[in-house]
PDB file of N, CA and C in Angstrom:
ATOM      1  N   UNK A   1       9.786   6.637   8.990  1.00  0.00           N
ATOM      2  CA  UNK A   1       9.618   6.022   7.689  1.00  0.00           C
ATOM      3  C   UNK A   1      11.014   5.736   7.140  1.00  0.00           C
ATOM      4  N   UNK A   2      11.272   4.434   6.940  1.00  0.00           N
ATOM      5  CA  UNK A   2      12.624   4.048   6.554  1.00  0.00           C
ATOM      6  C   UNK A   2      12.707   3.178   5.308  1.00  0.00           C
ATOM      7  N   UNK A   3      11.609   2.572   4.919  1.00  0.00           N
ATOM      8  CA  UNK A   3      11.652   1.641   3.792  1.00  0.00           C
ATOM      9  C   UNK A   3      10.562   1.970   2.767  1.00  0.00           C
ATOM     10  N   UNK A   4      10.717   1.377   1.601  1.00  0.00           N
ATOM     11  CA  UNK A   4       9.706   1.539   0.558  1.00  0.00           C
ATOM     12  C   UNK A   4       8.362   0.985   1.036  1.00  0.00           C
ATOM     13  N   UNK A   5       8.415  -0.062   1.819  1.00  0.00           N
ATOM     14  CA  UNK A   5       7.190  -0.646   2.377  1.00  0.00           C
ATOM     15  C   UNK A   5       6.453   0.390   3.237  1.00  0.00           C
ATOM     16  N   UNK A   6       7.196   1.164   4.016  1.00  0.00           N
ATOM     17  CA  UNK A   6       6.585   2.205   4.846  1.00  0.00           C
ATOM     18  C   UNK A   6       5.863   3.238   3.986  1.00  0.00           C
ATOM     19  N   UNK A   7       6.474   3.600   2.866  1.00  0.00           N
ATOM     20  CA  UNK A   7       5.844   4.561   1.944  1.00  0.00           C
ATOM     21  C   UNK A   7       4.584   3.938   1.352  1.00  0.00           C
ATOM     22  N   UNK A   8       4.651   2.664   0.989  1.00  0.00           N
ATOM     23  CA  UNK A   8       3.474   1.978   0.447  1.00  0.00           C
ATOM     24  C   UNK A   8       2.340   1.978   1.470  1.00  0.00           C
ATOM     25  N   UNK A   9       2.673   1.770   2.739  1.00  0.00           N
ATOM     26  CA  UNK A   9       1.650   1.764   3.784  1.00  0.00           C
ATOM     27  C   UNK A   9       1.029   3.144   3.970  1.00  0.00           C
ATOM     28  N   UNK A  10       1.838   4.189   3.829  1.00  0.00           N
ATOM     29  CA  UNK A  10       1.312   5.550   3.908  1.00  0.00           C
ATOM     30  C   UNK A  10       0.319   5.799   2.775  1.00  0.00           C
ATOM     31  N   UNK A  11       0.697   5.429   1.568  1.00  0.00           N
ATOM     32  CA  UNK A  11      -0.193   5.610   0.425  1.00  0.00           C
ATOM     33  C   UNK A  11      -1.461   4.769   0.571  1.00  0.00           C
ATOM     34  N   UNK A  12      -1.297   3.587   1.130  1.00  0.00           N
ATOM     35  CA  UNK A  12      -2.430   2.671   1.313  1.00  0.00           C
ATOM     36  C   UNK A  12      -3.498   3.281   2.228  1.00  0.00           C
ATOM     37  N   UNK A  13      -3.073   4.108   3.191  1.00  0.00           N
ATOM     38  CA  UNK A  13      -4.032   4.775   4.083  1.00  0.00           C
ATOM     39  C   UNK A  13      -5.016   5.637   3.296  1.00  0.00           C
ATOM     40  N   UNK A  14      -4.593   6.085   2.121  1.00  0.00           N
ATOM     41  CA  UNK A  14      -5.429   6.935   1.280  1.00  0.00           C
ATOM     42  C   UNK A  14      -6.041   6.167   0.111  1.00  0.00           C
ATOM     43  N   UNK A  15      -5.944   4.839   0.159  1.00  0.00           N
ATOM     44  CA  UNK A  15      -6.531   4.009  -0.888  1.00  0.00           C
ATOM     45  C   UNK A  15      -5.723   3.991  -2.164  1.00  0.00           C
ATOM     46  N   UNK A  16      -4.429   4.301  -2.055  1.00  0.00           N
ATOM     47  CA  UNK A  16      -3.568   4.351  -3.237  1.00  0.00           C
ATOM     48  C   UNK A  16      -2.685   3.113  -3.262  1.00  0.00           C
ATOM     49  N   UNK A  17      -2.901   2.283  -4.264  1.00  0.00           N
ATOM     50  CA  UNK A  17      -2.098   1.080  -4.467  1.00  0.00           C
ATOM     51  C   UNK A  17      -1.386   1.237  -5.809  1.00  0.00           C
ATOM     52  N   UNK A  18      -0.061   1.094  -5.804  1.00  0.00           N
ATOM     53  CA  UNK A  18       0.709   1.312  -7.024  1.00  0.00           C
ATOM     54  C   UNK A  18       1.368   0.012  -7.455  1.00  0.00           C
ATOM     55  N   UNK A  19       1.058  -0.405  -8.667  1.00  0.00           N
ATOM     56  CA  UNK A  19       1.774  -1.524  -9.289  1.00  0.00           C
ATOM     57  C   UNK A  19       1.745  -1.305 -10.784  1.00  0.00           C
ATOM     58  N   UNK A  20       2.884  -0.917 -11.336  1.00  0.00           N
ATOM     59  CA  UNK A  20       2.988  -0.663 -12.769  1.00  0.00           C
ATOM     60  C   UNK A  20       3.636  -1.862 -13.459  1.00  0.00           C
ATOM     61  N   UNK A  21       4.528  -2.518 -12.757  1.00  0.00           N
ATOM     62  CA  UNK A  21       5.168  -3.697 -13.334  1.00  0.00           C
ATOM     63  C   UNK A  21       6.674  -3.677 -13.199  1.00  0.00           C
ATOM     64  N   UNK A  22       7.253  -2.491 -13.233  1.00  0.00           N
ATOM     65  CA  UNK A  22       8.693  -2.351 -13.011  1.00  0.00           C
ATOM     66  C   UNK A  22       8.876  -1.556 -11.725  1.00  0.00           C
ATOM     67  N   UNK A  23       9.793  -2.010 -10.895  1.00  0.00           N
ATOM     68  CA  UNK A  23       9.994  -1.369  -9.594  1.00  0.00           C
ATOM     69  C   UNK A  23      10.320   0.118  -9.743  1.00  0.00           C
ATOM     70  N   UNK A  24      11.159   0.449 -10.709  1.00  0.00           N
ATOM     71  CA  UNK A  24      11.541   1.846 -10.929  1.00  0.00           C
ATOM     72  C   UNK A  24      10.313   2.694 -11.245  1.00  0.00           C
ATOM     73  N   UNK A  25       9.442   2.190 -12.094  1.00  0.00           N
ATOM     74  CA  UNK A  25       8.238   2.924 -12.457  1.00  0.00           C
ATOM     75  C   UNK A  25       7.291   3.040 -11.265  1.00  0.00           C
ATOM     76  N   UNK A  26       7.206   1.972 -10.473  1.00  0.00           N
ATOM     77  CA  UNK A  26       6.377   2.017  -9.266  1.00  0.00           C
ATOM     78  C   UNK A  26       6.839   3.146  -8.347  1.00  0.00           C
ATOM     79  N   UNK A  27       8.138   3.260  -8.173  1.00  0.00           N
ATOM     80  CA  UNK A  27       8.704   4.297  -7.300  1.00  0.00           C
ATOM     81  C   UNK A  27       8.364   5.682  -7.845  1.00  0.00           C
ATOM     82  N   UNK A  28       8.472   5.854  -9.149  1.00  0.00           N
ATOM     83  CA  UNK A  28       8.170   7.147  -9.769  1.00  0.00           C
ATOM     84  C   UNK A  28       6.693   7.515  -9.602  1.00  0.00           C
ATOM     85  N   UNK A  29       5.812   6.549  -9.772  1.00  0.00           N
ATOM     86  CA  UNK A  29       4.375   6.816  -9.601  1.00  0.00           C
ATOM     87  C   UNK A  29       4.067   7.109  -8.137  1.00  0.00           C
ATOM     88  N   UNK A  30       4.719   6.391  -7.223  1.00  0.00           N
ATOM     89  CA  UNK A  30       4.519   6.669  -5.794  1.00  0.00           C
ATOM     90  C   UNK A  30       4.931   8.099  -5.467  1.00  0.00           C
ATOM     91  N   UNK A  31       6.023   8.569  -6.064  1.00  0.00           N
ATOM     92  CA  UNK A  31       6.486   9.939  -5.825  1.00  0.00           C
ATOM     93  C   UNK A  31       5.445  10.942  -6.324  1.00  0.00           C
ATOM     94  N   UNK A  32       4.857  10.677  -7.473  1.00  0.00           N
ATOM     95  CA  UNK A  32       3.814  11.566  -8.003  1.00  0.00           C
ATOM     96  C   UNK A  32       2.586  11.590  -7.094  1.00  0.00           C
ATOM     97  N   UNK A  33       2.173  10.416  -6.653  1.00  0.00           N
ATOM     98  CA  UNK A  33       1.016  10.339  -5.758  1.00  0.00           C
ATOM     99  C   UNK A  33       1.299  11.055  -4.443  1.00  0.00           C
ATOM    100  N   UNK A  34       2.500  10.905  -3.936  1.00  0.00           N
ATOM    101  CA  UNK A  34       2.889  11.577  -2.704  1.00  0.00           C
ATOM    102  C   UNK A  34       2.848  13.097  -2.877  1.00  0.00           C
ATOM    103  N   UNK A  35       3.318  13.568  -4.035  1.00  0.00           N
ATOM    104  CA  UNK A  35       3.252  15.004  -4.338  1.00  0.00           C
ATOM    105  C   UNK A  35       1.807  15.494  -4.310  1.00  0.00           C
ATOM    106  N   UNK A  36       0.900  14.731  -4.886  1.00  0.00           N
ATOM    107  CA  UNK A  36      -0.508  15.123  -4.918  1.00  0.00           C
ATOM    108  C   UNK A  36      -1.102  15.163  -3.510  1.00  0.00           C
ATOM    109  N   UNK A  37      -0.748  14.177  -2.690  1.00  0.00           N
ATOM    110  CA  UNK A  37      -1.240  14.172  -1.310  1.00  0.00           C
ATOM    111  C   UNK A  37      -0.715  15.383  -0.540  1.00  0.00           C
ATOM    112  N   UNK A  38       0.548  15.713  -0.758  1.00  0.00           N
ATOM    113  CA  UNK A  38       1.141  16.862  -0.073  1.00  0.00           C
ATOM    114  C   UNK A  38       0.495  18.162  -0.547  1.00  0.00           C
ATOM    115  N   UNK A  39       0.297  18.288  -1.842  1.00  0.00           N
ATOM    116  CA  UNK A  39      -0.339  19.491  -2.394  1.00  0.00           C
ATOM    117  C   UNK A  39      -1.754  19.676  -1.851  1.00  0.00           C
ATOM    118  N   UNK A  40      -2.430  18.562  -1.593  1.00  0.00           N
ATOM    119  CA  UNK A  40      -3.793  18.613  -1.062  1.00  0.00           C
ATOM    120  C   UNK A  40      -3.809  18.818   0.453  1.00  0.00           C
ATOM    121  N   UNK A  41      -2.636  18.798   1.077  1.00  0.00           N
ATOM    122  CA  UNK A  41      -2.541  19.006   2.517  1.00  0.00           C
ATOM    123  C   UNK A  41      -2.936  17.803   3.350  1.00  0.00           C
ATOM    124  N   UNK A  42      -2.853  16.627   2.759  1.00  0.00           N
ATOM    125  CA  UNK A  42      -3.277  15.413   3.460  1.00  0.00           C
ATOM    126  C   UNK A  42      -2.158  14.725   4.228  1.00  0.00           C
ATOM    127  N   UNK A  43      -0.911  15.043   3.910  1.00  0.00           N
ATOM    128  CA  UNK A  43       0.220  14.487   4.666  1.00  0.00           C
ATOM    129  C   UNK A  43       1.044  15.649   5.221  1.00  0.00           C
ATOM    130  N   UNK A  44       1.634  15.422   6.364  1.00  0.00           N
ATOM    131  CA  UNK A  44       2.437  16.475   6.987  1.00  0.00           C
ATOM    132  C   UNK A  44       3.732  16.687   6.213  1.00  0.00           C
ATOM    133  N   UNK A  45       4.344  17.821   6.462  1.00  0.00           N
ATOM    134  CA  UNK A  45       5.607  18.134   5.796  1.00  0.00           C
ATOM    135  C   UNK A  45       6.674  17.113   6.166  1.00  0.00           C
ATOM    136  N   UNK A  46       6.709  16.703   7.434  1.00  0.00           N
ATOM    137  CA  UNK A  46       7.699  15.711   7.887  1.00  0.00           C
ATOM    138  C   UNK A  46       7.507  14.368   7.190  1.00  0.00           C
ATOM    139  N   UNK A  47       6.247  13.904   7.131  1.00  0.00           N
ATOM    140  CA  UNK A  47       5.966  12.642   6.436  1.00  0.00           C
ATOM    141  C   UNK A  47       6.375  12.742   4.971  1.00  0.00           C
ATOM    142  N   UNK A  48       6.047  13.855   4.357  1.00  0.00           N
ATOM    143  CA  UNK A  48       6.355  14.066   2.952  1.00  0.00           C
ATOM    144  C   UNK A  48       7.865  14.008   2.709  1.00  0.00           C
ATOM    145  N   UNK A  49       8.618  14.724   3.517  1.00  0.00           N
ATOM    146  CA  UNK A  49      10.077  14.764   3.345  1.00  0.00           C
ATOM    147  C   UNK A  49      10.695  13.393   3.568  1.00  0.00           C
ATOM    148  N   UNK A  50      10.279  12.708   4.628  1.00  0.00           N
ATOM    149  CA  UNK A  50      10.818  11.372   4.905  1.00  0.00           C
ATOM    150  C   UNK A  50      10.505  10.408   3.769  1.00  0.00           C
ATOM    151  N   UNK A  51       9.286  10.438   3.282  1.00  0.00           N
ATOM    152  CA  UNK A  51       8.885   9.541   2.197  1.00  0.00           C
ATOM    153  C   UNK A  51       9.657   9.856   0.915  1.00  0.00           C
ATOM    154  N   UNK A  52       9.851  11.137   0.625  1.00  0.00           N
ATOM    155  CA  UNK A  52      10.599  11.521  -0.575  1.00  0.00           C
ATOM    156  C   UNK A  52      12.047  11.059  -0.498  1.00  0.00           C
ATOM    157  N   UNK A  53      12.646  11.138   0.685  1.00  0.00           N
ATOM    158  CA  UNK A  53      14.022  10.665   0.862  1.00  0.00           C
ATOM    159  C   UNK A  53      14.105   9.173   0.588  1.00  0.00           C
ATOM    160  N   UNK A  54      13.158   8.411   1.127  1.00  0.00           N
ATOM    161  CA  UNK A  54      13.133   6.962   0.899  1.00  0.00           C
ATOM    162  C   UNK A  54      12.972   6.674  -0.595  1.00  0.00           C
ATOM    163  N   UNK A  55      12.037   7.358  -1.244  1.00  0.00           N
ATOM    164  CA  UNK A  55      11.797   7.118  -2.670  1.00  0.00           C
ATOM    165  C   UNK A  55      13.012   7.492  -3.504  1.00  0.00           C
ATOM    166  N   UNK A  56      13.657   8.593  -3.167  1.00  0.00           N
ATOM    167  CA  UNK A  56      14.850   9.016  -3.910  1.00  0.00           C
ATOM    168  C   UNK A  56      15.964   7.980  -3.765  1.00  0.00           C
ATOM    169  N   UNK A  57      16.128   7.454  -2.551  1.00  0.00           N
ATOM    170  CA  UNK A  57      17.152   6.435  -2.294  1.00  0.00           C
ATOM    171  C   UNK A  57      16.854   5.158  -3.087  1.00  0.00           C
ATOM    172  N   UNK A  58      15.613   4.700  -3.027  1.00  0.00           N
ATOM    173  CA  UNK A  58      15.231   3.476  -3.735  1.00  0.00           C
ATOM    174  C   UNK A  58      15.346   3.656  -5.250  1.00  0.00           C
ATOM    175  N   UNK A  59      15.015   4.834  -5.731  1.00  0.00           N
ATOM    176  CA  UNK A  59      15.121   5.114  -7.162  1.00  0.00           C
ATOM    177  C   UNK A  59      16.575   5.073  -7.601  1.00  0.00           C
ATOM    178  N   UNK A  60      17.456   5.627  -6.783  1.00  0.00           N
ATOM    179  CA  UNK A  60      18.901   5.605  -7.098  1.00  0.00           C
ATOM    180  C   UNK A  60      19.420   4.171  -7.166  1.00  0.00           C
ATOM    181  N   UNK A  61      18.949   3.326  -6.272  1.00  0.00           N
ATOM    182  CA  UNK A  61      19.347   1.911  -6.276  1.00  0.00           C
ATOM    183  C   UNK A  61      18.930   1.271  -7.589  1.00  0.00           C
ATOM    184  N   UNK A  62      17.702   1.535  -8.012  1.00  0.00           N
ATOM    185  CA  UNK A  62      17.195   0.955  -9.265  1.00  0.00           C
ATOM    186  C   UNK A  62      17.949   1.497 -10.480  1.00  0.00           C
ATOM    187  N   UNK A  63      18.324   2.758 -10.438  1.00  0.00           N
ATOM    188  CA  UNK A  63      19.078   3.364 -11.541  1.00  0.00           C
ATOM    189  C   UNK A  63      20.445   2.705 -11.694  1.00  0.00           C
ATOM    190  N   UNK A  64      21.051   2.305 -10.582  1.00  0.00           N
ATOM    191  CA  UNK A  64      22.397   1.732 -10.614  1.00  0.00           C
ATOM    192  C   UNK A  64      22.423   0.255 -10.988  1.00  0.00           C
ATOM    193  N   UNK A  65      21.259  -0.360 -11.098  1.00  0.00           N
ATOM    194  CA  UNK A  65      21.224  -1.789 -11.456  1.00  0.00           C
ATOM    195  C   UNK A  65      21.510  -1.982 -12.927  1.00  0.00           C
TER     196      UNK A  65
END
């Protein structure tokens, strides 16, 4: 998992589509949804960590704009 698109595809497997309107907010909501999936035991620890790294990186990019 290397891109935000990859994270979106992971969430899509669970019927989760995120569109809030601002990219930064979308990333934040995706992180929350990912946390819920991990807490429920639906995604592996490796998938969770990789996705969180991607989201953190993308969020930092948006913060610097």
